[in-house]
C-alpha atoms as a PDB file:
ATOM      1  CA  MET A   1      -0.019  -0.001   0.015  1.00  0.00           C
ATOM      2  CA  SER A   2       1.255   3.455  -0.731  1.00  0.00           C
ATOM      3  CA  SER A   3       0.986   6.371   1.677  1.00  0.00           C
ATOM      4  CA  SER A   4      -1.725   8.038  -0.470  1.00  0.00           C
ATOM      5  CA  ASN A   5      -4.089   5.076   0.181  1.00  0.00           C
ATOM      6  CA  SER A   6      -3.650   5.403   3.953  1.00  0.00           C
ATOM      7  CA  SER A   7      -4.908   8.945   3.817  1.00  0.00           C
ATOM      8  CA  ASN A   8      -8.338   7.593   2.906  1.00  0.00           C
ATOM      9  CA  LYS A   9      -9.953   6.834   6.258  1.00  0.00           C
ATOM     10  CA  ARG A  10     -12.087   3.787   5.730  1.00  0.00           C
ATOM     11  CA  ILE A  11     -14.348   3.231   8.727  1.00  0.00           C
ATOM     12  CA  ILE A  12     -15.189  -0.484   9.082  1.00  0.00           C
ATOM     13  CA  TYR A  13     -17.393  -0.191  12.162  1.00  0.00           C
ATOM     14  CA  GLN A  14     -18.466   2.725  14.162  1.00  0.00           C
ATOM     15  CA  GLU A  15     -21.064   2.526  16.875  1.00  0.00           C
ATOM     16  CA  PHE A  16     -22.078   6.154  17.531  1.00  0.00           C
ATOM     17  CA  GLY A  17     -22.384   8.022  14.245  1.00  0.00           C
ATOM     18  CA  ASN A  18     -19.623  10.317  13.070  1.00  0.00           C
ATOM     19  CA  GLU A  19     -16.823  11.787  15.206  1.00  0.00           C
ATOM     20  CA  ASN A  20     -18.247  15.279  15.203  1.00  0.00           C
ATOM     21  CA  SER A  21     -21.664  14.290  16.404  1.00  0.00           C
ATOM     22  CA  ALA A  22     -23.432  17.021  18.295  1.00  0.00           C
ATOM     23  CA  ALA A  23     -25.283  14.362  20.274  1.00  0.00           C
ATOM     24  CA  LEU A  24     -22.087  13.457  22.140  1.00  0.00           C
ATOM     25  CA  GLU A  25     -21.495  16.962  23.337  1.00  0.00           C
ATOM     26  CA  ARG A  26     -22.581  17.892  26.874  1.00  0.00           C
ATOM     27  CA  PRO A  27     -25.003  20.746  27.020  1.00  0.00           C
ATOM     28  CA  ILE A  28     -23.659  23.856  28.779  1.00  0.00           C
ATOM     29  CA  LEU A  29     -26.004  25.351  31.399  1.00  0.00           C
ATOM     30  CA  GLU A  30     -26.212  29.106  30.990  1.00  0.00           C
ATOM     31  CA  LEU A  31     -27.176  30.646  34.316  1.00  0.00           C
ATOM     32  CA  PRO A  32     -28.333  34.291  34.500  1.00  0.00           C
ATOM     33  CA  PRO A  33     -25.689  36.697  35.824  1.00  0.00           C
ATOM     34  CA  GLN A  34     -27.470  37.080  39.183  1.00  0.00           C
ATOM     35  CA  GLN A  35     -26.910  33.331  39.879  1.00  0.00           C
ATOM     36  CA  GLN A  36     -23.268  33.210  39.036  1.00  0.00           C
ATOM     37  CA  ASN A  37     -20.584  33.643  41.713  1.00  0.00           C
ATOM     38  CA  LEU A  38     -17.329  34.873  40.094  1.00  0.00           C
ATOM     39  CA  LYS A  39     -13.907  35.034  41.626  1.00  0.00           C
ATOM     40  CA  VAL A  40     -11.552  37.789  40.404  1.00  0.00           C
ATOM     41  CA  GLN A  41      -7.842  37.359  41.160  1.00  0.00           C
ATOM     42  CA  ALA A  42      -4.460  38.542  39.977  1.00  0.00           C
ATOM     43  CA  SER A  43      -2.058  35.808  38.900  1.00  0.00           C
ATOM     44  CA  ARG A  44       1.489  35.656  37.659  1.00  0.00           C
ATOM     45  CA  LYS A  45       2.066  31.845  37.602  1.00  0.00           C
ATOM     46  CA  GLY A  46       3.375  30.400  34.311  1.00  0.00           C
ATOM     47  CA  ARG A  47       3.318  33.791  32.607  1.00  0.00           C
ATOM     48  CA  LYS A  48       7.014  34.785  32.890  1.00  0.00           C
ATOM     49  CA  GLY A  49       6.348  37.386  35.561  1.00  0.00           C
ATOM     50  CA  LYS A  50       3.530  39.183  33.737  1.00  0.00           C
ATOM     51  CA  THR A  51       0.332  39.876  35.815  1.00  0.00           C
ATOM     52  CA  VAL A  52      -3.017  38.900  34.462  1.00  0.00           C
ATOM     53  CA  THR A  53      -6.409  39.257  36.125  1.00  0.00           C
ATOM     54  CA  VAL A  54      -8.329  35.886  36.017  1.00  0.00           C
ATOM     55  CA  ILE A  55     -12.067  35.747  36.370  1.00  0.00           C
ATOM     56  CA  SER A  56     -13.348  32.203  37.081  1.00  0.00           C
ATOM     57  CA  GLY A  57     -16.620  30.547  38.058  1.00  0.00           C
ATOM     58  CA  PHE A  58     -18.623  31.190  34.851  1.00  0.00           C
ATOM     59  CA  GLN A  59     -21.453  28.892  33.840  1.00  0.00           C
ATOM     60  CA  ALA A  60     -22.010  30.371  30.407  1.00  0.00           C
ATOM     61  CA  LYS A  61     -21.807  29.532  26.716  1.00  0.00           C
ATOM     62  CA  PRO A  62     -18.535  30.410  24.843  1.00  0.00           C
ATOM     63  CA  GLU A  63     -20.419  33.062  22.852  1.00  0.00           C
ATOM     64  CA  THR A  64     -21.491  34.902  26.060  1.00  0.00           C
ATOM     65  CA  LEU A  65     -17.903  34.761  27.413  1.00  0.00           C
ATOM     66  CA  ALA A  66     -16.578  36.126  24.102  1.00  0.00           C
ATOM     67  CA  ASP A  67     -18.912  39.117  24.269  1.00  0.00           C
ATOM     68  CA  LEU A  68     -18.028  39.717  27.945  1.00  0.00           C
ATOM     69  CA  VAL A  69     -14.255  39.479  27.402  1.00  0.00           C
ATOM     70  CA  LYS A  70     -14.599  41.982  24.495  1.00  0.00           C
ATOM     71  CA  GLN A  71     -16.424  44.395  26.775  1.00  0.00           C
ATOM     72  CA  LEU A  72     -13.876  44.035  29.585  1.00  0.00           C
ATOM     73  CA  LYS A  73     -10.944  44.516  27.288  1.00  0.00           C
ATOM     74  CA  THR A  74     -12.499  47.700  25.945  1.00  0.00           C
ATOM     75  CA  GLN A  75     -13.162  49.161  29.384  1.00  0.00           C
ATOM     76  CA  CYS A  76      -9.756  48.193  30.827  1.00  0.00           C
ATOM     77  CA  GLY A  77      -7.930  49.316  27.683  1.00  0.00           C
ATOM     78  CA  THR A  78      -5.896  46.151  27.437  1.00  0.00           C
ATOM     79  CA  GLY A  79      -5.785  42.674  25.917  1.00  0.00           C
ATOM     80  CA  GLY A  80      -7.367  39.491  27.136  1.00  0.00           C
ATOM     81  CA  THR A  81      -8.729  36.078  26.192  1.00  0.00           C
ATOM     82  CA  VAL A  82     -11.004  33.156  27.256  1.00  0.00           C
ATOM     83  CA  LYS A  83      -9.208  29.994  28.354  1.00  0.00           C
ATOM     84  CA  ASP A  84     -10.901  26.911  29.876  1.00  0.00           C
ATOM     85  CA  ASN A  85     -14.128  28.802  30.756  1.00  0.00           C
ATOM     86  CA  GLU A  86     -12.114  31.509  32.479  1.00  0.00           C
ATOM     87  CA  ILE A  87     -11.430  35.087  31.362  1.00  0.00           C
ATOM     88  CA  GLU A  88      -7.940  36.424  31.459  1.00  0.00           C
ATOM     89  CA  ILE A  89      -7.311  40.170  31.224  1.00  0.00           C
ATOM     90  CA  GLN A  90      -3.704  41.479  30.898  1.00  0.00           C
ATOM     91  CA  GLY A  91      -2.623  43.521  33.881  1.00  0.00           C
ATOM     92  CA  ASP A  92      -3.916  43.945  37.475  1.00  0.00           C
ATOM     93  CA  HIS A  93      -7.454  45.260  37.058  1.00  0.00           C
ATOM     94  CA  LYS A  94      -9.169  43.455  39.935  1.00  0.00           C
ATOM     95  CA  GLN A  95     -11.141  46.422  41.387  1.00  0.00           C
ATOM     96  CA  LYS A  96     -12.196  47.765  38.017  1.00  0.00           C
ATOM     97  CA  ILE A  97     -13.355  44.359  36.771  1.00  0.00           C
ATOM     98  CA  VAL A  98     -15.384  43.727  39.922  1.00  0.00           C
ATOM     99  CA  GLU A  99     -17.168  47.086  39.500  1.00  0.00           C
ATOM    100  CA  ILE A 100     -17.922  46.342  35.885  1.00  0.00           C
ATOM    101  CA  LEU A 101     -19.222  42.818  36.614  1.00  0.00           C
ATOM    102  CA  THR A 102     -21.324  44.123  39.413  1.00  0.00           C
ATOM    103  CA  LYS A 103     -22.962  46.740  37.114  1.00  0.00           C
ATOM    104  CA  LEU A 104     -23.674  43.892  34.657  1.00  0.00           C
ATOM    105  CA  GLY A 105     -25.507  41.969  37.437  1.00  0.00           C
ATOM    106  CA  TYR A 106     -22.896  39.349  38.269  1.00  0.00           C
ATOM    107  CA  LYS A 107     -21.895  38.460  41.831  1.00  0.00           C
ATOM    108  CA  ALA A 108     -18.193  39.020  41.781  1.00  0.00           C
ATOM    109  CA  LYS A 109     -15.645  39.268  44.532  1.00  0.00           C
ATOM    110  CA  ILE A 110     -11.832  39.533  44.833  1.00  0.00           C
ATOM    111  CA  SER A 111     -10.064  36.364  45.723  1.00  0.00           C
ATOM    112  CA  GLY A 112      -6.569  35.959  46.937  1.00  0.00           C
ATOM    113  CA  GLY A 113      -4.088  38.609  47.974  1.00  0.00           C
END
């Protein structure tokens, strides 16, 4: 057999449909902001000494988190991202982020030192 034939993935037996089946994904519960308890903390671990503000405790869909991170980045004037259902904002913006999240209806508090 040549290597070009091995690129054709022949499935002989598969029990649960195709690999990208939406039925196998777990549904994400989206709670309203008032029912979410968020922790805001500054962290430097694994970031080569750079400080980031990490917001954890979300129970929301990725689209909701993407909208929220965009709003936080704009109001803090810095960069940020969503990783593992947590939002990371560059720099130490704990107090400002807690104020913003509280205005949006979330229960947020500063965690750690």
